[in-house]
C-alpha atoms as a PDB file:
ATOM      1  CA  UNK A   1       0.000   0.000   0.000  1.00  0.00           C
ATOM      2  CA  UNK A   2       1.271   3.467  -0.896  1.00  0.00           C
ATOM      3  CA  UNK A   3       2.163   5.798   1.962  1.00  0.00           C
ATOM      4  CA  UNK A   4      -0.045   8.875   1.824  1.00  0.00           C
ATOM      5  CA  UNK A   5       1.974  12.079   1.767  1.00  0.00           C
ATOM      6  CA  UNK A   6       1.025  15.588   2.838  1.00  0.00           C
ATOM      7  CA  UNK A   7       0.855  16.582  -0.812  1.00  0.00           C
ATOM      8  CA  UNK A   8      -1.569  13.752  -1.577  1.00  0.00           C
ATOM      9  CA  UNK A   9      -3.809  14.761   1.339  1.00  0.00           C
ATOM     10  CA  UNK A  10      -3.736  18.387   0.212  1.00  0.00           C
ATOM     11  CA  UNK A  11      -4.668  17.370  -3.325  1.00  0.00           C
ATOM     12  CA  UNK A  12      -7.557  15.223  -2.056  1.00  0.00           C
ATOM     13  CA  UNK A  13      -8.771  18.026   0.211  1.00  0.00           C
ATOM     14  CA  UNK A  14      -8.638  20.539  -2.621  1.00  0.00           C
ATOM     15  CA  UNK A  15     -10.618  18.196  -4.878  1.00  0.00           C
ATOM     16  CA  UNK A  16     -13.312  17.923  -2.205  1.00  0.00           C
ATOM     17  CA  UNK A  17     -13.379  21.681  -1.556  1.00  0.00           C
ATOM     18  CA  UNK A  18     -13.855  22.411  -5.254  1.00  0.00           C
ATOM     19  CA  UNK A  19     -17.147  20.514  -5.111  1.00  0.00           C
ATOM     20  CA  UNK A  20     -18.567  22.160  -1.956  1.00  0.00           C
ATOM     21  CA  UNK A  21     -17.688  23.798   1.360  1.00  0.00           C
ATOM     22  CA  UNK A  22     -16.789  21.530   4.258  1.00  0.00           C
ATOM     23  CA  UNK A  23     -16.257  22.185   7.927  1.00  0.00           C
ATOM     24  CA  UNK A  24     -12.851  21.396   9.390  1.00  0.00           C
ATOM     25  CA  UNK A  25     -14.197  18.252  11.100  1.00  0.00           C
ATOM     26  CA  UNK A  26     -16.078  17.019   8.022  1.00  0.00           C
ATOM     27  CA  UNK A  27     -13.010  17.338   5.848  1.00  0.00           C
ATOM     28  CA  UNK A  28     -10.847  15.649   8.475  1.00  0.00           C
ATOM     29  CA  UNK A  29     -13.313  12.755   8.528  1.00  0.00           C
ATOM     30  CA  UNK A  30     -13.234  12.433   4.739  1.00  0.00           C
ATOM     31  CA  UNK A  31      -9.435  12.506   4.659  1.00  0.00           C
ATOM     32  CA  UNK A  32      -9.206   9.893   7.406  1.00  0.00           C
ATOM     33  CA  UNK A  33     -10.237   7.325   4.809  1.00  0.00           C
ATOM     34  CA  UNK A  34      -6.960   8.013   3.016  1.00  0.00           C
ATOM     35  CA  UNK A  35      -4.599   8.094   5.980  1.00  0.00           C
ATOM     36  CA  UNK A  36      -4.438   6.950   9.587  1.00  0.00           C
ATOM     37  CA  UNK A  37      -2.013   9.776  10.396  1.00  0.00           C
ATOM     38  CA  UNK A  38      -4.312  12.216  12.196  1.00  0.00           C
ATOM     39  CA  UNK A  39      -1.425  14.582  12.888  1.00  0.00           C
ATOM     40  CA  UNK A  40      -0.649  14.893   9.183  1.00  0.00           C
ATOM     41  CA  UNK A  41      -4.324  15.460   8.342  1.00  0.00           C
ATOM     42  CA  UNK A  42      -4.664  18.199  10.974  1.00  0.00           C
ATOM     43  CA  UNK A  43      -1.441  19.816   9.777  1.00  0.00           C
ATOM     44  CA  UNK A  44      -2.734  19.981   6.197  1.00  0.00           C
ATOM     45  CA  UNK A  45      -6.141  21.259   7.258  1.00  0.00           C
ATOM     46  CA  UNK A  46      -4.501  23.963   9.372  1.00  0.00           C
ATOM     47  CA  UNK A  47      -2.454  24.930   6.334  1.00  0.00           C
ATOM     48  CA  UNK A  48      -5.614  25.181   4.221  1.00  0.00           C
ATOM     49  CA  UNK A  49      -7.224  27.356   6.898  1.00  0.00           C
ATOM     50  CA  UNK A  50      -4.209  29.689   6.962  1.00  0.00           C
ATOM     51  CA  UNK A  51      -4.519  30.028   3.196  1.00  0.00           C
ATOM     52  CA  UNK A  52      -8.278  30.741   3.640  1.00  0.00           C
ATOM     53  CA  UNK A  53      -9.180  27.788   1.425  1.00  0.00           C
ATOM     54  CA  UNK A  54     -10.964  26.117   4.334  1.00  0.00           C
ATOM     55  CA  UNK A  55     -13.096  28.194   6.678  1.00  0.00           C
ATOM     56  CA  UNK A  56     -15.607  27.097   9.306  1.00  0.00           C
ATOM     57  CA  UNK A  57     -17.087  30.610   9.272  1.00  0.00           C
ATOM     58  CA  UNK A  58     -17.698  30.503   5.518  1.00  0.00           C
ATOM     59  CA  UNK A  59     -19.097  26.983   5.816  1.00  0.00           C
ATOM     60  CA  UNK A  60     -21.491  28.061   8.585  1.00  0.00           C
ATOM     61  CA  UNK A  61     -22.726  31.075   6.615  1.00  0.00           C
ATOM     62  CA  UNK A  62     -23.555  28.913   3.602  1.00  0.00           C
ATOM     63  CA  UNK A  63     -25.127  26.246   5.788  1.00  0.00           C
ATOM     64  CA  UNK A  64     -27.363  28.772   7.553  1.00  0.00           C
ATOM     65  CA  UNK A  65     -28.503  30.338   4.280  1.00  0.00           C
ATOM     66  CA  UNK A  66     -29.330  26.930   2.809  1.00  0.00           C
ATOM     67  CA  UNK A  67     -31.310  25.917   5.904  1.00  0.00           C
ATOM     68  CA  UNK A  68     -33.188  29.225   6.001  1.00  0.00           C
ATOM     69  CA  UNK A  69     -34.209  28.611   2.389  1.00  0.00           C
ATOM     70  CA  UNK A  70     -35.535  25.197   3.474  1.00  0.00           C
ATOM     71  CA  UNK A  71     -37.591  26.854   6.204  1.00  0.00           C
ATOM     72  CA  UNK A  72     -35.618  25.706   9.234  1.00  0.00           C
ATOM     73  CA  UNK A  73     -35.537  27.712  12.456  1.00  0.00           C
ATOM     74  CA  UNK A  74     -32.576  28.823  14.557  1.00  0.00           C
ATOM     75  CA  UNK A  75     -32.731  25.970  17.077  1.00  0.00           C
ATOM     76  CA  UNK A  76     -32.569  23.273  14.429  1.00  0.00           C
ATOM     77  CA  UNK A  77     -29.824  25.053  12.491  1.00  0.00           C
ATOM     78  CA  UNK A  78     -27.732  25.464  15.647  1.00  0.00           C
ATOM     79  CA  UNK A  79     -28.213  21.814  16.617  1.00  0.00           C
ATOM     80  CA  UNK A  80     -27.238  20.583  13.150  1.00  0.00           C
ATOM     81  CA  UNK A  81     -24.097  22.736  13.192  1.00  0.00           C
ATOM     82  CA  UNK A  82     -23.155  21.494  16.652  1.00  0.00           C
ATOM     83  CA  UNK A  83     -23.456  17.937  15.368  1.00  0.00           C
ATOM     84  CA  UNK A  84     -20.996  18.848  12.626  1.00  0.00           C
ATOM     85  CA  UNK A  85     -18.447  19.945  15.214  1.00  0.00           C
ATOM     86  CA  UNK A  86     -18.816  23.698  14.813  1.00  0.00           C
ATOM     87  CA  UNK A  87     -17.901  25.839  17.825  1.00  0.00           C
ATOM     88  CA  UNK A  88     -20.886  27.336  19.653  1.00  0.00           C
ATOM     89  CA  UNK A  89     -19.459  30.867  19.439  1.00  0.00           C
ATOM     90  CA  UNK A  90     -19.212  30.681  15.640  1.00  0.00           C
ATOM     91  CA  UNK A  91     -22.817  29.449  15.457  1.00  0.00           C
ATOM     92  CA  UNK A  92     -24.180  32.247  17.638  1.00  0.00           C
ATOM     93  CA  UNK A  93     -22.251  34.927  15.734  1.00  0.00           C
ATOM     94  CA  UNK A  94     -23.341  33.574  12.354  1.00  0.00           C
ATOM     95  CA  UNK A  95     -27.011  33.366  13.356  1.00  0.00           C
ATOM     96  CA  UNK A  96     -26.884  36.986  14.520  1.00  0.00           C
ATOM     97  CA  UNK A  97     -25.116  38.022  11.312  1.00  0.00           C
ATOM     98  CA  UNK A  98     -27.797  36.301   9.226  1.00  0.00           C
ATOM     99  CA  UNK A  99     -30.090  39.138  10.269  1.00  0.00           C
ATOM    100  CA  UNK A 100     -33.249  37.143   9.618  1.00  0.00           C
ATOM    101  CA  UNK A 101     -36.671  37.840  11.050  1.00  0.00           C
ATOM    102  CA  UNK A 102     -37.327  34.382  12.482  1.00  0.00           C
ATOM    103  CA  UNK A 103     -40.941  35.179  13.264  1.00  0.00           C
ATOM    104  CA  UNK A 104     -41.631  36.119   9.646  1.00  0.00           C
ATOM    105  CA  UNK A 105     -39.868  32.966   8.468  1.00  0.00           C
ATOM    106  CA  UNK A 106     -41.971  30.833  10.828  1.00  0.00           C
ATOM    107  CA  UNK A 107     -45.124  32.532   9.558  1.00  0.00           C
ATOM    108  CA  UNK A 108     -44.081  31.910   5.953  1.00  0.00           C
ATOM    109  CA  UNK A 109     -43.265  28.242   6.637  1.00  0.00           C
ATOM    110  CA  UNK A 110     -46.636  27.799   8.365  1.00  0.00           C
ATOM    111  CA  UNK A 111     -48.490  29.367   5.437  1.00  0.00           C
ATOM    112  CA  UNK A 112     -46.639  27.223   2.889  1.00  0.00           C
ATOM    113  CA  UNK A 113     -47.562  24.062   4.750  1.00  0.00           C
ATOM    114  CA  UNK A 114     -51.072  24.877   6.007  1.00  0.00           C
ATOM    115  CA  UNK A 115     -52.320  27.776   3.884  1.00  0.00           C
ATOM    116  CA  UNK A 116     -53.385  31.285   4.861  1.00  0.00           C
ATOM    117  CA  UNK A 117     -56.307  30.274   7.071  1.00  0.00           C
ATOM    118  CA  UNK A 118     -55.478  30.650  10.760  1.00  0.00           C
ATOM    119  CA  UNK A 119     -56.166  27.537  12.834  1.00  0.00           C
ATOM    120  CA  UNK A 120     -59.181  27.747  15.119  1.00  0.00           C
ATOM    121  CA  UNK A 121     -59.470  24.271  16.635  1.00  0.00           C
ATOM    122  CA  UNK A 122     -57.061  23.244  19.378  1.00  0.00           C
ATOM    123  CA  UNK A 123     -56.060  20.161  17.373  1.00  0.00           C
ATOM    124  CA  UNK A 124     -55.124  22.315  14.344  1.00  0.00           C
ATOM    125  CA  UNK A 125     -53.190  24.764  16.504  1.00  0.00           C
ATOM    126  CA  UNK A 126     -51.310  21.909  18.163  1.00  0.00           C
ATOM    127  CA  UNK A 127     -50.490  20.278  14.815  1.00  0.00           C
ATOM    128  CA  UNK A 128     -49.090  23.510  13.371  1.00  0.00           C
ATOM    129  CA  UNK A 129     -47.256  24.365  16.577  1.00  0.00           C
ATOM    130  CA  UNK A 130     -45.580  20.945  16.695  1.00  0.00           C
ATOM    131  CA  UNK A 131     -44.669  21.147  13.018  1.00  0.00           C
ATOM    132  CA  UNK A 132     -42.944  24.498  13.490  1.00  0.00           C
ATOM    133  CA  UNK A 133     -41.157  23.285  16.610  1.00  0.00           C
ATOM    134  CA  UNK A 134     -39.865  20.277  14.677  1.00  0.00           C
ATOM    135  CA  UNK A 135     -38.483  22.724  12.120  1.00  0.00           C
ATOM    136  CA  UNK A 136     -36.487  24.413  14.875  1.00  0.00           C
ATOM    137  CA  UNK A 137     -38.569  27.416  15.829  1.00  0.00           C
ATOM    138  CA  UNK A 138     -38.510  28.011  19.603  1.00  0.00           C
ATOM    139  CA  UNK A 139     -41.728  28.061  21.621  1.00  0.00           C
ATOM    140  CA  UNK A 140     -41.403  31.721  22.660  1.00  0.00           C
ATOM    141  CA  UNK A 141     -41.256  32.743  19.014  1.00  0.00           C
ATOM    142  CA  UNK A 142     -44.300  30.652  18.106  1.00  0.00           C
ATOM    143  CA  UNK A 143     -46.497  31.993  20.898  1.00  0.00           C
ATOM    144  CA  UNK A 144     -47.218  35.150  18.910  1.00  0.00           C
ATOM    145  CA  UNK A 145     -48.254  33.206  15.793  1.00  0.00           C
ATOM    146  CA  UNK A 146     -51.221  31.470  17.437  1.00  0.00           C
END
């Protein structure tokens, strides 16, 4: 078996980054299939970060925008980013920088799913409330919608 060099790892990382943005941890995981040398992988990823070719901040911004377009709320977005190994501080800063009106987004998501008619029956209210919570909209934000 061929010994994987730093140059080979860099080339593989660059090929992956050309296709889409990755977080530091995601890219490390992908590269771990090529080499068992975690120290070498981290060294190359740090080098890519210094060159601004790999950026958790840029990854998070794109991730948040994509999830907003899918109608996901801040709680779900934050949880998904945490699962991807993103630092909590980066998540909080990026969500603030997104400058989105979460209440308006929740209202829009509700209307897309259930139409313009406001729910009147407790069962309908509960169904819509639970749907929006599953999308990551916090309870205090939803209270004003119903």
